[in-house]
Amino acid sequence: MSLEYQPMPPVPIETARIAKAAFPKGNPYLTLRDELGLLFSDLDFAGLFSHTGQPAVPPWQLALITVMQFRENLSDRQTADAVRSRIDWKYLLGLELTDCGFDFSVLSEFRQRLIDRQAGHLLLDRLLEHCRLLGLVKARGKQRTDSTRVLAAIRVLNRLELVAETLRAALNELATVASEWLQQVALESWYQRYASRIEDTRLPESATAREVYAQTVGDDIYYLLECLKESQLSIDWQQLPSIMALKLVWQRHYEVITDDKTGFQQVRFKPKHALAKSAEGIESPYDVEARYRSRYELSWTGYMVHVSETCDDDACHLITQVMTTPATVHEAQCTAAIHQALLDKHLPPSEHFVDSAYVDAHLLVAAQAQGLTMVGPARPNVTWQTRTEHAFDFTQFTVDWEQQRVTCPQGKQSISWSPLIGQDGHPAFKARFSTLDCGPCLVRAQCTRAKPPVARSLLLMPQPQYEALKTARALHASAEGRQRYQRRAGIEGTLSQGVRAFGLRQTRYRGLAKTHLQNIAIAAAMNFDRLVNWLTGVPRAKTRVSRFATLAAG
């Protein structure tokens, strides 16, 4: 298929006449075309042109159709039918009434081309650039960010189902690419044990029987991998997706124990407490990038999506950045990447409203260096002193950074100041007090629980981080800071809208790249709705309060 540059056509006269007659009170797609013009052009997607095949649907139209598809949560077949049959779609796309559209497979091919060339971000970025030129979005305004879970398009499997289903997936792929070899090495019992999906079979119920079953599957995996190592297959079997998944499952759930006396090797199913972190283990052979996570009493398998949007009072609220990660990636690990992405788009905020998961001292300082002010509650100090009345936490110590000395609430000064690397990998300092001062201190019990003669010591971050964290905590503790932080709450409504109306909670596809492309398309689709509402003067919705609840205000 060849995608060749075509000039952007005006709306055909007959298409415009019928569309205006059909929608005398207006229509979202008609409004977008009339007020904003052509949102995409072929030049925006120049890197997606193919050099072979026959001319086909221009890429600007496919990009626009993809966003429209996710705006209405349609399948590929439904989307292709909409292009053929709906007058409002033809108006926005500039198509003749007689245009017969295209085969639905074109859409999946276009999405794959976006993924292969890492161009999916253009769906959102080119829309934002168009809005920036029209003055609908600007840099150095207010923005807010939050995240929500995205469920993977897989069945949730327990450990027994996972190890057995992963082996079954590997056998199925080998049966496709190396059937003759597999027939020679496969055990007779495999045809019964792995013929159908594991979750559809009756697994043992007793703990002992389940342990035996896990051991049997482990022996089968070990035998298959050893056979593959000794094989002379012409294919690169180590690069087969199912074999790579099988190796990951083997490494996490099994180990080979060697008897020191006899040298006999035995496969062992690891106990649950001996498993590596969930970030290192797959949850399904059909989506090896999906991860398990538990947060706020919720647990899921899949991904996290981080959404940023503008939130100035006098402007249209548009989504500016979308970031998708495996579920096990913590929010604080995404903050710097989100800031850099906004800077690259020339849309950095002056104030960035986030929750505590995105904030730490080092990120506060890094944001300040980029001209950004992060507004959000820093995670609290969880030492026992902060939770005990009349105890002395680190905020009650005075730090002299120039002299590298700390003074305690009783006026005693530290005797040493040692640089070190903290558990987070960042530089830190350890200030230690004298046992001669701490030993006889009358308020020692309010300061340290270390057994005498061990003295109190403090672990301090470098001054910029120390001061930034102290300032952030003080600001959020004030009435002014809490009032200012209320602006962040609006992002929860955005995530709710994405989940309820646009299918943000569940990915349609398998793999991080495809899931991220879906999330970008959803963000662009949500911006379509917001632009239409802004252009037509529809006010932003307010939090609904029941009639009974309003009586409390009276």
Protein backbone atom coordinates (compact mmCIF):
# COMPACT_ATOMS: atom_id res chain seq x y z
CA MET A 1 0.00 0.00 0.00
CA SER A 2 1.36 3.40 -0.92
CA LEU A 3 0.51 6.57 0.95
CA GLU A 4 1.26 9.53 -1.29
CA TYR A 5 0.92 13.18 -0.42
CA GLN A 6 -2.44 14.66 -1.38
CA PRO A 7 -3.49 18.30 -0.91
CA MET A 8 -6.14 18.82 1.74
CA PRO A 9 -9.54 18.94 -0.04
CA PRO A 10 -12.34 21.32 0.88
CA VAL A 11 -15.65 19.80 1.90
CA PRO A 12 -17.47 18.79 -1.31
CA ILE A 13 -20.44 21.05 -2.08
CA GLU A 14 -23.03 18.29 -2.02
CA THR A 15 -21.62 16.78 1.18
CA ALA A 16 -21.75 20.20 2.86
CA ARG A 17 -25.33 20.85 1.68
CA ILE A 18 -26.69 17.52 2.94
CA ALA A 19 -24.75 17.71 6.22
CA LYS A 20 -25.98 21.21 7.03
CA ALA A 21 -29.53 20.14 6.24
CA ALA A 22 -29.24 17.00 8.37
CA PHE A 23 -27.79 18.87 11.38
CA PRO A 24 -29.40 22.33 11.48
CA LYS A 25 -28.59 22.63 15.20
CA GLY A 26 -24.96 21.64 14.72
CA ASN A 27 -22.87 18.52 15.16
CA PRO A 28 -19.50 17.96 16.89
CA TYR A 29 -17.69 16.95 13.71
CA LEU A 30 -19.20 19.79 11.70
CA THR A 31 -18.18 22.22 14.43
CA LEU A 32 -14.59 20.95 14.45
CA ARG A 33 -14.28 21.31 10.68
CA ASP A 34 -15.94 24.72 10.52
CA GLU A 35 -14.19 26.30 13.50
CA LEU A 36 -10.75 24.66 13.47
CA GLY A 37 -10.32 23.65 9.85
CA LEU A 38 -8.22 20.63 9.01
CA LEU A 39 -6.70 19.29 12.22
CA PHE A 40 -4.12 17.06 10.49
CA SER A 41 -2.20 17.16 7.24
CA ASP A 42 -0.16 14.61 5.34
CA LEU A 43 2.97 16.58 6.17
CA ASP A 44 2.34 15.78 9.85
CA PHE A 45 2.67 12.08 9.04
CA ALA A 46 5.35 12.25 6.36
CA GLY A 47 7.34 9.48 8.00
CA LEU A 48 4.46 7.05 7.50
CA PHE A 49 4.48 7.04 3.71
CA SER A 50 4.98 3.69 2.02
CA HIS A 51 7.04 3.46 -1.17
CA THR A 52 5.32 0.41 -2.67
CA GLY A 53 1.80 -0.57 -3.71
CA GLN A 54 -1.14 1.41 -4.99
CA PRO A 55 -2.27 4.82 -3.68
CA ALA A 56 -4.71 4.42 -0.81
CA VAL A 57 -6.27 6.41 2.03
CA PRO A 58 -4.07 9.45 2.83
CA PRO A 59 -2.46 9.28 6.27
CA TRP A 60 -4.07 12.49 7.57
CA GLN A 61 -7.48 10.90 7.01
CA LEU A 62 -6.43 7.66 8.73
CA ALA A 63 -5.13 9.64 11.70
CA LEU A 64 -8.38 11.56 11.96
CA ILE A 65 -10.44 8.39 11.56
CA THR A 66 -8.41 6.68 14.31
CA VAL A 67 -9.21 9.47 16.76
CA MET A 68 -12.88 9.40 15.75
CA GLN A 69 -12.91 5.64 16.22
CA PHE A 70 -11.75 5.91 19.81
CA ARG A 71 -14.04 8.86 20.48
CA GLU A 72 -17.01 6.58 19.78
CA ASN A 73 -15.35 3.37 21.02
CA LEU A 74 -15.90 1.55 17.72
CA SER A 75 -14.35 -1.62 16.33
CA ASP A 76 -12.41 -1.49 13.06
CA ARG A 77 -15.39 -2.86 11.11
CA GLN A 78 -17.77 -0.36 12.68
CA THR A 79 -15.33 2.45 11.93
CA ALA A 80 -15.02 1.49 8.26
CA ASP A 81 -18.84 1.36 8.05
CA ALA A 82 -19.09 4.81 9.64
CA VAL A 83 -16.75 6.28 7.00
CA ARG A 84 -18.99 4.83 4.30
CA SER A 85 -22.36 5.68 5.76
CA ARG A 86 -22.26 8.68 8.10
CA ILE A 87 -22.64 12.17 6.69
CA ASP A 88 -20.97 13.89 9.67
CA TRP A 89 -17.86 11.73 9.24
CA LYS A 90 -17.73 12.49 5.52
CA TYR A 91 -18.00 16.21 6.29
CA LEU A 92 -15.05 16.23 8.69
CA LEU A 93 -12.99 14.03 6.36
CA GLY A 94 -13.90 16.04 3.25
CA LEU A 95 -15.31 13.03 1.38
CA GLU A 96 -17.84 12.86 -1.44
CA LEU A 97 -21.22 11.34 -0.64
CA THR A 98 -20.41 8.55 -3.08
CA ASP A 99 -17.08 7.67 -1.42
CA CYS A 100 -17.21 3.94 -0.66
CA GLY A 101 -14.52 4.03 2.04
CA PHE A 102 -11.97 1.27 2.52
CA ASP A 103 -11.50 -2.19 3.93
CA PHE A 104 -11.41 -2.25 7.74
CA SER A 105 -7.96 -3.93 7.73
CA VAL A 106 -6.43 -0.61 6.66
CA LEU A 107 -6.92 0.69 10.20
CA SER A 108 -4.91 -2.04 11.92
CA GLU A 109 -2.16 -1.64 9.32
CA PHE A 110 -2.03 2.08 10.00
CA ARG A 111 -1.83 1.54 13.76
CA GLN A 112 0.99 -0.94 13.27
CA ARG A 113 2.81 1.57 11.09
CA LEU A 114 2.43 4.18 13.85
CA ILE A 115 3.92 1.72 16.36
CA ASP A 116 6.75 0.50 14.15
CA ARG A 117 7.89 4.06 13.44
CA GLN A 118 7.19 5.29 16.99
CA ALA A 119 4.85 7.94 15.62
CA GLY A 120 1.76 7.33 17.74
CA HIS A 121 2.38 10.51 19.72
CA LEU A 122 1.61 12.52 16.57
CA LEU A 123 -2.12 11.89 17.05
CA LEU A 124 -2.03 14.07 20.15
CA ASP A 125 0.96 16.30 19.46
CA ARG A 126 -0.22 17.55 16.06
CA LEU A 127 -3.63 18.34 17.51
CA LEU A 128 -2.00 20.29 20.34
CA GLU A 129 0.23 22.14 17.90
CA HIS A 130 -2.83 23.15 15.86
CA CYS A 131 -4.55 24.36 19.04
CA ARG A 132 -1.42 26.21 20.17
CA LEU A 133 -1.32 28.16 16.90
CA LEU A 134 -4.97 29.10 17.42
CA GLY A 135 -4.29 30.24 20.99
CA LEU A 136 -6.35 27.46 22.59
CA VAL A 137 -3.43 26.10 24.61
CA LYS A 138 -0.30 27.84 25.83
CA ALA A 139 2.92 27.23 27.68
CA ARG A 140 3.60 28.24 31.30
CA GLY A 141 0.02 27.86 32.43
CA LYS A 142 -1.34 25.54 35.09
CA GLN A 143 -1.43 21.77 34.53
CA ARG A 144 -2.28 18.74 36.62
CA THR A 145 -1.41 15.06 36.38
CA ASP A 146 -2.78 11.83 37.79
CA SER A 147 -2.84 8.15 36.90
CA THR A 148 -5.23 5.24 36.75
CA ARG A 149 -5.00 1.53 36.14
CA VAL A 150 -5.45 -0.11 32.74
CA LEU A 151 -6.45 -3.77 32.71
CA ALA A 152 -4.58 -6.05 30.32
CA ALA A 153 -6.52 -7.93 27.63
CA ILE A 154 -5.75 -11.30 29.23
CA ARG A 155 -7.29 -13.74 31.65
CA VAL A 156 -5.91 -13.55 35.18
CA LEU A 157 -4.09 -16.80 35.97
CA ASN A 158 -2.94 -18.28 39.24
CA ARG A 159 0.57 -19.73 39.50
CA LEU A 160 -0.37 -23.25 38.43
CA GLU A 161 -2.34 -21.98 35.45
CA LEU A 162 0.45 -19.60 34.47
CA VAL A 163 3.29 -22.12 34.35
CA ALA A 164 1.19 -24.72 32.53
CA GLU A 165 -0.43 -22.28 30.08
CA THR A 166 2.97 -20.78 29.23
CA LEU A 167 4.27 -24.24 28.37
CA ARG A 168 1.13 -24.90 26.31
CA ALA A 169 1.65 -21.63 24.40
CA ALA A 170 5.26 -22.62 23.66
CA LEU A 171 4.17 -26.05 22.41
CA ASN A 172 1.58 -24.45 20.12
CA GLU A 173 4.13 -22.09 18.59
CA LEU A 174 6.68 -24.87 18.13
CA ALA A 175 3.97 -26.99 16.51
CA THR A 176 3.59 -24.20 13.96
CA VAL A 177 7.25 -23.53 13.14
CA ALA A 178 8.91 -26.89 13.93
CA SER A 179 6.17 -29.52 13.92
CA GLU A 180 8.29 -32.49 12.84
CA TRP A 181 10.93 -31.86 15.49
CA LEU A 182 8.30 -31.41 18.21
CA GLN A 183 6.62 -34.69 17.26
CA GLN A 184 9.91 -36.48 17.85
CA VAL A 185 10.58 -35.06 21.34
CA ALA A 186 7.05 -34.60 22.75
CA LEU A 187 6.05 -37.00 25.51
CA GLU A 188 2.84 -38.96 25.03
CA SER A 189 1.33 -37.49 28.19
CA TRP A 190 1.70 -33.95 26.82
CA TYR A 191 -1.09 -34.43 24.28
CA GLN A 192 -3.57 -34.94 27.08
CA ARG A 193 -2.08 -32.51 29.60
CA TYR A 194 -1.63 -29.51 27.27
CA ALA A 195 -4.21 -30.11 24.53
CA SER A 196 -6.68 -27.44 25.74
CA ARG A 197 -6.44 -24.19 27.69
CA ILE A 198 -5.30 -24.87 31.23
CA GLU A 199 -7.95 -22.71 32.88
CA ASP A 200 -10.59 -24.84 31.14
CA THR A 201 -9.26 -28.05 32.68
CA ARG A 202 -9.87 -29.40 36.17
CA LEU A 203 -6.76 -28.78 38.25
CA PRO A 204 -6.03 -30.75 41.43
CA GLU A 205 -7.78 -29.47 44.55
CA SER A 206 -5.64 -30.72 47.43
CA ALA A 207 -2.39 -28.95 48.29
CA THR A 208 -0.37 -32.13 47.86
CA ALA A 209 -1.85 -32.90 44.45
CA ARG A 210 -1.28 -29.34 43.29
CA GLU A 211 2.35 -29.56 44.37
CA VAL A 212 2.74 -32.76 42.35
CA TYR A 213 1.12 -31.11 39.32
CA ALA A 214 3.45 -28.09 39.57
CA GLN A 215 6.41 -30.46 39.82
CA THR A 216 5.25 -32.34 36.72
CA VAL A 217 4.90 -29.12 34.71
CA GLY A 218 8.35 -28.03 35.88
CA ASP A 219 9.88 -31.33 34.73
CA ASP A 220 8.17 -30.89 31.35
CA ILE A 221 9.51 -27.32 30.94
CA TYR A 222 13.02 -28.39 31.91
CA TYR A 223 12.90 -31.31 29.46
CA LEU A 224 11.64 -29.12 26.59
CA LEU A 225 14.27 -26.42 27.15
CA GLU A 226 17.04 -29.03 27.30
CA CYS A 227 15.78 -30.58 24.05
CA LEU A 228 15.80 -27.17 22.40
CA LYS A 229 19.40 -26.53 23.53
CA GLU A 230 20.51 -29.78 21.91
CA SER A 231 18.42 -29.34 18.76
CA GLN A 232 19.72 -28.44 15.34
CA LEU A 233 16.68 -26.40 14.34
CA SER A 234 17.14 -24.00 11.44
CA ILE A 235 14.96 -21.39 13.15
CA ASP A 236 16.19 -19.08 15.89
CA TRP A 237 14.02 -20.67 18.55
CA GLN A 238 15.39 -18.48 21.32
CA GLN A 239 13.69 -15.45 19.74
CA LEU A 240 10.25 -17.04 19.60
CA PRO A 241 7.94 -14.96 21.86
CA SER A 242 6.48 -18.00 23.60
CA ILE A 243 9.93 -19.46 24.33
CA MET A 244 11.11 -16.15 25.76
CA ALA A 245 8.01 -16.14 27.98
CA LEU A 246 8.68 -19.74 29.00
CA LYS A 247 12.21 -18.85 30.08
CA LEU A 248 10.94 -15.98 32.22
CA VAL A 249 8.37 -18.22 33.90
CA TRP A 250 11.00 -20.91 34.46
CA GLN A 251 13.47 -18.49 36.06
CA ARG A 252 10.89 -17.01 38.42
CA HIS A 253 8.92 -20.07 39.50
CA TYR A 254 11.40 -22.93 39.34
CA GLU A 255 14.94 -23.78 40.31
CA VAL A 256 17.22 -26.79 39.83
CA ILE A 257 18.65 -28.27 43.04
CA THR A 258 21.77 -30.42 42.84
CA ASP A 259 22.50 -33.05 45.50
CA ASP A 260 26.05 -32.47 46.77
CA LYS A 261 26.71 -36.18 47.34
CA THR A 262 25.16 -37.83 44.29
CA GLY A 263 25.18 -34.88 41.87
CA PHE A 264 21.55 -35.69 41.06
CA GLN A 265 19.57 -32.70 39.80
CA GLN A 266 15.94 -32.12 40.69
CA VAL A 267 13.49 -29.45 39.57
CA ARG A 268 11.83 -27.57 42.45
CA PHE A 269 8.71 -25.39 42.39
CA LYS A 270 9.68 -22.34 44.43
CA PRO A 271 7.54 -21.43 47.44
CA LYS A 272 5.63 -18.18 47.06
CA HIS A 273 7.82 -16.27 49.52
CA ALA A 274 10.91 -17.08 47.44
CA LEU A 275 9.61 -15.48 44.24
CA ALA A 276 11.31 -12.44 42.74
CA LYS A 277 9.51 -9.10 42.73
CA SER A 278 6.39 -8.89 40.58
CA ALA A 279 8.15 -6.39 38.32
CA GLU A 280 10.39 -9.24 37.16
CA GLY A 281 7.66 -11.80 36.47
CA ILE A 282 5.13 -12.10 33.66
CA GLU A 283 1.46 -12.75 34.38
CA SER A 284 0.48 -14.27 31.03
CA PRO A 285 2.35 -15.78 28.07
CA TYR A 286 0.13 -13.73 25.76
CA ASP A 287 1.13 -10.33 27.14
CA VAL A 288 4.59 -10.50 28.66
CA GLU A 289 4.67 -6.76 29.45
CA ALA A 290 1.57 -6.73 31.67
CA ARG A 291 2.39 -6.71 35.38
CA TYR A 292 0.56 -7.29 38.64
CA ARG A 293 0.19 -4.48 41.14
CA SER A 294 -1.70 -3.84 44.34
CA ARG A 295 -2.43 -0.23 45.33
CA TYR A 296 -4.92 1.30 47.74
CA GLU A 297 -6.54 -2.09 48.38
CA LEU A 298 -6.98 -2.61 44.61
CA SER A 299 -5.08 -5.20 42.64
CA TRP A 300 -4.92 -5.68 38.90
CA THR A 301 -2.79 -7.02 36.07
CA GLY A 302 -1.89 -4.63 33.29
CA TYR A 303 -0.59 -1.09 33.02
CA MET A 304 -0.72 2.43 34.42
CA VAL A 305 -1.64 5.47 32.35
CA HIS A 306 -0.55 8.96 33.44
CA VAL A 307 -2.63 11.83 32.05
CA SER A 308 -1.70 15.52 32.16
CA GLU A 309 -4.06 18.37 31.27
CA THR A 310 -4.19 22.14 31.33
CA CYS A 311 -6.35 23.63 34.10
CA ASP A 312 -6.32 27.44 33.73
CA ASP A 313 -9.63 29.00 34.70
CA ASP A 314 -10.08 31.03 31.53
CA ALA A 315 -9.00 28.46 28.92
CA CYS A 316 -10.08 25.20 27.37
CA HIS A 317 -8.83 22.26 29.44
CA LEU A 318 -6.90 20.03 27.02
CA ILE A 319 -4.95 16.84 27.65
CA THR A 320 -1.31 17.58 26.88
CA GLN A 321 0.59 14.40 27.72
CA VAL A 322 -0.08 10.69 28.07
CA MET A 323 2.41 8.21 29.48
CA THR A 324 1.79 4.46 29.72
CA THR A 325 3.92 2.14 31.84
CA PRO A 326 3.74 -1.40 33.22
CA ALA A 327 1.70 -1.44 36.42
CA THR A 328 4.77 -1.94 38.62
CA VAL A 329 6.41 1.37 37.62
CA HIS A 330 5.85 3.82 40.48
CA GLU A 331 4.49 7.28 39.80
CA ALA A 332 7.61 9.02 41.14
CA GLN A 333 9.62 7.26 38.43
CA CYS A 334 7.48 9.01 35.79
CA THR A 335 7.58 12.62 37.01
CA ALA A 336 10.84 13.61 35.32
CA ALA A 337 9.82 11.98 32.02
CA ILE A 338 6.46 13.80 32.08
CA HIS A 339 8.18 17.15 32.67
CA GLN A 340 10.65 16.53 29.87
CA ALA A 341 7.88 15.53 27.46
CA LEU A 342 5.99 18.74 28.19
CA LEU A 343 9.16 20.76 27.66
CA ASP A 344 9.77 19.00 24.33
CA LYS A 345 6.26 19.95 23.22
CA HIS A 346 6.89 23.59 24.24
CA LEU A 347 3.99 23.28 26.69
CA PRO A 348 5.66 23.26 30.11
CA PRO A 349 3.46 24.41 33.01
CA SER A 350 4.43 27.08 35.47
CA GLU A 351 2.56 25.20 38.19
CA HIS A 352 2.15 21.43 38.10
CA PHE A 353 -0.47 19.95 40.45
CA VAL A 354 0.16 16.33 41.41
CA ASP A 355 -0.56 13.97 44.29
CA SER A 356 2.02 12.71 46.76
CA ALA A 357 3.00 9.70 44.65
CA TYR A 358 4.70 12.02 42.13
CA VAL A 359 6.60 14.09 44.68
CA ASP A 360 9.95 13.66 46.38
CA ALA A 361 12.69 16.08 47.36
CA HIS A 362 14.92 15.40 44.34
CA LEU A 363 12.02 15.82 41.91
CA LEU A 364 11.07 19.12 43.54
CA VAL A 365 14.57 20.48 43.00
CA ALA A 366 14.80 19.14 39.44
CA ALA A 367 11.48 20.74 38.55
CA GLN A 368 12.62 24.09 39.96
CA ALA A 369 15.69 23.93 37.72
CA GLN A 370 13.35 23.57 34.72
CA GLY A 371 11.24 26.53 35.80
CA LEU A 372 8.38 24.34 37.07
CA THR A 373 6.72 24.58 40.46
CA MET A 374 5.33 21.28 41.69
CA VAL A 375 2.29 21.70 43.92
CA GLY A 376 1.43 18.62 45.90
CA PRO A 377 1.73 16.99 49.31
CA ALA A 378 5.17 15.52 49.93
CA ARG A 379 5.03 12.10 51.50
CA PRO A 380 5.12 12.43 55.28
CA ASN A 381 8.02 11.53 57.50
CA VAL A 382 7.05 8.17 59.04
CA THR A 383 9.59 8.00 61.88
CA TRP A 384 8.21 7.27 65.34
CA GLN A 385 9.16 10.75 66.52
CA THR A 386 6.64 12.36 64.13
CA ARG A 387 3.87 10.13 65.48
CA THR A 388 4.65 10.62 69.18
CA GLU A 389 3.54 13.65 71.15
CA HIS A 390 6.39 15.79 72.53
CA ALA A 391 9.01 13.71 70.65
CA PHE A 392 11.79 15.43 68.70
CA ASP A 393 11.67 14.77 64.96
CA PHE A 394 14.28 16.09 62.53
CA THR A 395 12.38 19.35 61.91
CA GLN A 396 13.17 20.44 65.47
CA PHE A 397 16.91 20.28 64.84
CA THR A 398 18.73 23.30 63.45
CA VAL A 399 21.07 22.61 60.54
CA ASP A 400 24.08 24.86 59.87
CA TRP A 401 24.97 23.87 56.30
CA GLU A 402 28.07 26.05 56.07
CA GLN A 403 29.62 24.71 59.26
CA GLN A 404 28.21 21.22 58.64
CA ARG A 405 26.79 21.05 62.12
CA VAL A 406 23.39 20.20 63.62
CA THR A 407 22.03 21.58 66.89
CA CYS A 408 19.46 19.55 68.84
CA PRO A 409 16.46 21.05 70.72
CA GLN A 410 18.53 20.96 73.93
CA GLY A 411 21.29 23.07 72.38
CA LYS A 412 23.85 20.29 71.90
CA GLN A 413 25.83 20.21 68.66
CA SER A 414 26.68 17.22 66.47
CA ILE A 415 30.27 15.99 66.53
CA SER A 416 30.51 14.47 63.02
CA TRP A 417 29.18 15.06 59.53
CA SER A 418 29.72 12.19 57.08
CA PRO A 419 28.75 12.03 53.40
CA LEU A 420 27.21 8.78 52.17
CA ILE A 421 24.86 7.31 49.55
CA GLY A 422 21.30 6.78 50.75
CA GLN A 423 19.09 3.78 50.06
CA ASP A 424 17.55 5.65 47.11
CA GLY A 425 20.96 6.01 45.49
CA HIS A 426 21.21 9.76 46.09
CA PRO A 427 23.91 11.55 48.12
CA ALA A 428 23.13 12.20 51.78
CA PHE A 429 24.82 13.20 55.03
CA LYS A 430 24.83 11.59 58.43
CA ALA A 431 25.17 13.87 61.46
CA ARG A 432 25.98 12.12 64.76
CA PHE A 433 25.84 13.47 68.31
CA SER A 434 28.15 12.67 71.18
CA THR A 435 27.37 9.88 73.62
CA LEU A 436 28.53 12.28 76.37
CA ASP A 437 25.65 14.61 75.47
CA CYS A 438 22.95 12.04 74.66
CA GLY A 439 23.72 9.59 77.48
CA PRO A 440 22.75 11.76 80.48
CA CYS A 441 20.13 13.81 78.55
CA LEU A 442 16.90 14.08 80.57
CA VAL A 443 14.70 13.97 77.44
CA ARG A 444 16.58 11.16 75.70
CA ALA A 445 13.41 9.01 75.57
CA GLN A 446 11.72 11.70 73.49
CA CYS A 447 14.63 11.81 71.04
CA THR A 448 15.92 8.28 70.38
CA ARG A 449 15.08 4.68 71.20
CA ALA A 450 18.64 3.49 70.65
CA LYS A 451 20.05 1.68 73.66
CA PRO A 452 22.69 3.61 75.61
CA PRO A 453 25.41 4.53 75.00
CA VAL A 454 24.38 4.90 71.32
CA ALA A 455 23.70 8.57 70.56
CA ARG A 456 21.15 10.21 68.25
CA SER A 457 22.06 10.56 64.59
CA LEU A 458 20.28 12.26 61.70
CA LEU A 459 20.26 11.32 58.02
CA LEU A 460 20.05 14.51 55.95
CA MET A 461 19.57 15.16 52.26
CA PRO A 462 21.67 17.87 50.56
CA GLN A 463 20.53 21.39 51.40
CA PRO A 464 18.50 22.09 48.19
CA GLN A 465 16.48 18.91 48.64
CA TYR A 466 16.15 19.40 52.38
CA GLU A 467 14.83 22.93 51.99
CA ALA A 468 12.53 22.04 49.08
CA LEU A 469 10.94 19.19 51.01
CA LYS A 470 10.55 21.32 54.13
CA THR A 471 8.92 24.12 52.13
CA ALA A 472 6.55 21.74 50.31
CA ARG A 473 5.38 20.15 53.56
CA ALA A 474 4.88 23.52 55.22
CA LEU A 475 2.93 24.87 52.24
CA HIS A 476 0.57 21.92 52.11
CA ALA A 477 0.00 22.11 55.86
CA SER A 478 -1.21 25.72 55.56
CA ALA A 479 -4.78 26.72 54.74
CA GLU A 480 -3.54 28.66 51.71
CA GLY A 481 -1.67 25.63 50.42
CA ARG A 482 -4.64 23.30 50.79
CA GLN A 483 -6.88 25.80 49.03
CA ARG A 484 -4.40 26.11 46.19
CA TYR A 485 -4.08 22.34 45.91
CA GLN A 486 -7.81 21.88 45.33
CA ARG A 487 -7.19 22.59 41.65
CA ARG A 488 -5.69 19.10 41.29
CA ALA A 489 -9.04 17.42 42.02
CA GLY A 490 -10.31 18.12 38.50
CA ILE A 491 -7.98 15.54 36.97
CA GLU A 492 -9.99 12.82 38.71
CA GLY A 493 -13.00 13.87 36.66
CA THR A 494 -10.90 13.60 33.51
CA LEU A 495 -9.86 10.05 34.37
CA SER A 496 -13.47 9.20 35.20
CA GLN A 497 -14.58 10.54 31.83
CA GLY A 498 -11.89 8.51 30.09
CA VAL A 499 -12.94 5.33 31.88
CA ARG A 500 -16.72 5.72 31.58
CA ALA A 501 -17.03 7.17 28.08
CA PHE A 502 -13.87 6.24 26.20
CA GLY A 503 -12.82 2.78 27.38
CA LEU A 504 -9.66 3.88 29.17
CA ARG A 505 -9.88 1.21 31.87
CA GLN A 506 -9.50 -1.81 29.54
CA THR A 507 -6.91 -2.12 26.80
CA ARG A 508 -8.09 -3.60 23.52
CA TYR A 509 -4.66 -4.90 22.66
CA ARG A 510 -1.74 -6.86 24.06
CA GLY A 511 1.58 -5.22 24.77
CA LEU A 512 2.75 -1.87 26.08
CA ALA A 513 3.20 -0.20 22.67
CA LYS A 514 -0.33 -0.93 21.45
CA THR A 515 -1.86 -0.04 24.80
CA HIS A 516 -0.01 3.30 24.77
CA LEU A 517 -1.25 4.04 21.25
CA GLN A 518 -4.81 3.37 22.41
CA ASN A 519 -4.36 5.75 25.35
CA ILE A 520 -2.99 8.49 23.08
CA ALA A 521 -5.92 8.10 20.68
CA ILE A 522 -8.35 8.29 23.62
CA ALA A 523 -6.67 11.48 24.86
CA ALA A 524 -6.96 13.07 21.40
CA ALA A 525 -10.60 11.97 21.22
CA MET A 526 -11.33 13.55 24.62
CA ASN A 527 -9.73 16.75 23.36
CA PHE A 528 -12.15 16.67 20.41
CA ASP A 529 -15.08 16.75 22.81
CA ARG A 530 -13.53 19.47 24.93
CA LEU A 531 -12.80 21.64 21.92
CA VAL A 532 -16.38 21.30 20.70
CA ASN A 533 -17.76 22.21 24.12
CA TRP A 534 -15.42 25.19 24.38
CA LEU A 535 -16.29 26.45 20.91
CA THR A 536 -20.04 26.09 21.49
CA GLY A 537 -19.96 27.62 24.97
CA VAL A 538 -20.93 24.53 26.93
CA PRO A 539 -19.86 25.14 30.56
CA ARG A 540 -17.71 22.63 32.38
CA ALA A 541 -19.71 20.27 34.55
CA LYS A 542 -19.60 20.72 38.29
CA THR A 543 -19.55 18.02 40.92
CA ARG A 544 -23.10 16.86 41.44
CA VAL A 545 -24.56 17.18 44.93
CA SER A 546 -27.83 15.49 45.91
CA ARG A 547 -30.74 17.64 47.01
CA PHE A 548 -30.58 16.14 50.48
CA ALA A 549 -26.86 16.90 50.80
CA THR A 550 -27.48 20.54 49.91
CA LEU A 551 -29.58 20.89 53.07
CA ALA A 552 -26.38 20.62 55.13
CA ALA A 553 -25.14 23.88 53.62
CA GLY A 554 -28.29 25.62 54.72
